[in-house]
Amino acid sequence: MIVCDSSEVLTPHALAVNPKLQGKGIGKMVVENILNIARKEHKKAVRLDVLGA
């Protein structure tokens, strides 16, 4: 568990990959970019809510 203020958390509001394009690494690339942004902004955590199909 990470204890931090909400200003220390990066929360992407939407992330979706077209079902026809899933399994091609697109989501992974997007998440890697989100993590890189969080590092550059010195965030302590990233919150990503995930929904299954």
C-alpha atoms as a PDB file:
ATOM      1  CA  MET A   1       0.000   0.000   0.000  1.00  0.00           C
ATOM      2  CA  ILE A   2       1.251   3.470  -0.911  1.00  0.00           C
ATOM      3  CA  VAL A   3       0.212   6.396   1.259  1.00  0.00           C
ATOM      4  CA  CYS A   4       0.099   9.629  -0.722  1.00  0.00           C
ATOM      5  CA  ASP A   5      -1.923  12.750  -1.389  1.00  0.00           C
ATOM      6  CA  SER A   6      -4.234  12.780  -4.403  1.00  0.00           C
ATOM      7  CA  SER A   7      -1.914  15.318  -6.078  1.00  0.00           C
ATOM      8  CA  GLU A   8       0.780  12.618  -6.073  1.00  0.00           C
ATOM      9  CA  VAL A   9      -1.363  10.196  -8.098  1.00  0.00           C
ATOM     10  CA  LEU A  10      -1.731  10.179 -11.872  1.00  0.00           C
ATOM     11  CA  THR A  11      -5.194   8.988 -12.901  1.00  0.00           C
ATOM     12  CA  PRO A  12      -5.813   8.460 -16.621  1.00  0.00           C
ATOM     13  CA  HIS A  13      -9.523   8.970 -17.234  1.00  0.00           C
ATOM     14  CA  ALA A  14      -9.994   6.621 -20.148  1.00  0.00           C
ATOM     15  CA  LEU A  15      -8.036   3.874 -21.837  1.00  0.00           C
ATOM     16  CA  ALA A  16      -9.584   1.627 -24.423  1.00  0.00           C
ATOM     17  CA  VAL A  17      -8.333  -0.524 -27.271  1.00  0.00           C
ATOM     18  CA  ASN A  18     -10.619  -1.469 -30.106  1.00  0.00           C
ATOM     19  CA  PRO A  19     -11.440  -5.184 -29.678  1.00  0.00           C
ATOM     20  CA  LYS A  20     -10.273  -5.822 -33.269  1.00  0.00           C
ATOM     21  CA  LEU A  21      -6.823  -4.486 -32.327  1.00  0.00           C
ATOM     22  CA  GLN A  22      -6.442  -6.142 -28.937  1.00  0.00           C
ATOM     23  CA  GLY A  23      -3.549  -8.535 -28.420  1.00  0.00           C
ATOM     24  CA  LYS A  24      -1.167  -6.447 -30.531  1.00  0.00           C
ATOM     25  CA  GLY A  25       0.609  -4.646 -27.673  1.00  0.00           C
ATOM     26  CA  ILE A  26      -1.214  -1.327 -28.116  1.00  0.00           C
ATOM     27  CA  GLY A  27      -2.526  -1.231 -24.539  1.00  0.00           C
ATOM     28  CA  LYS A  28       0.921  -2.121 -23.222  1.00  0.00           C
ATOM     29  CA  MET A  29       2.481   0.764 -25.159  1.00  0.00           C
ATOM     30  CA  VAL A  30      -0.111   3.195 -23.817  1.00  0.00           C
ATOM     31  CA  VAL A  31       0.395   2.033 -20.212  1.00  0.00           C
ATOM     32  CA  GLU A  32       4.183   2.313 -20.606  1.00  0.00           C
ATOM     33  CA  ASN A  33       3.725   5.912 -21.789  1.00  0.00           C
ATOM     34  CA  ILE A  34       1.422   6.653 -18.848  1.00  0.00           C
ATOM     35  CA  LEU A  35       4.069   5.305 -16.450  1.00  0.00           C
ATOM     36  CA  ASN A  36       6.757   7.413 -18.133  1.00  0.00           C
ATOM     37  CA  ILE A  37       4.609  10.534 -17.705  1.00  0.00           C
ATOM     38  CA  ALA A  38       4.057   9.667 -14.042  1.00  0.00           C
ATOM     39  CA  ARG A  39       7.818   9.317 -13.515  1.00  0.00           C
ATOM     40  CA  LYS A  40       8.524  12.655 -15.213  1.00  0.00           C
ATOM     41  CA  GLU A  41       5.886  14.328 -13.037  1.00  0.00           C
ATOM     42  CA  HIS A  42       7.340  12.646  -9.906  1.00  0.00           C
ATOM     43  CA  LYS A  43       4.059  10.909  -9.068  1.00  0.00           C
ATOM     44  CA  LYS A  44       4.092   8.250  -6.371  1.00  0.00           C
ATOM     45  CA  ALA A  45       1.288   6.176  -7.898  1.00  0.00           C
ATOM     46  CA  VAL A  46      -0.845   5.604 -10.979  1.00  0.00           C
ATOM     47  CA  ARG A  47      -4.486   4.625 -10.633  1.00  0.00           C
ATOM     48  CA  LEU A  48      -5.937   2.809 -13.599  1.00  0.00           C
ATOM     49  CA  ASP A  49      -9.389   1.268 -13.334  1.00  0.00           C
ATOM     50  CA  VAL A  50      -9.831  -1.664 -15.709  1.00  0.00           C
ATOM     51  CA  LEU A  51     -13.045  -3.147 -17.070  1.00  0.00           C
ATOM     52  CA  GLY A  52     -13.148  -6.502 -18.809  1.00  0.00           C
ATOM     53  CA  ALA A  53     -15.089  -7.141 -21.959  1.00  0.00           C
END
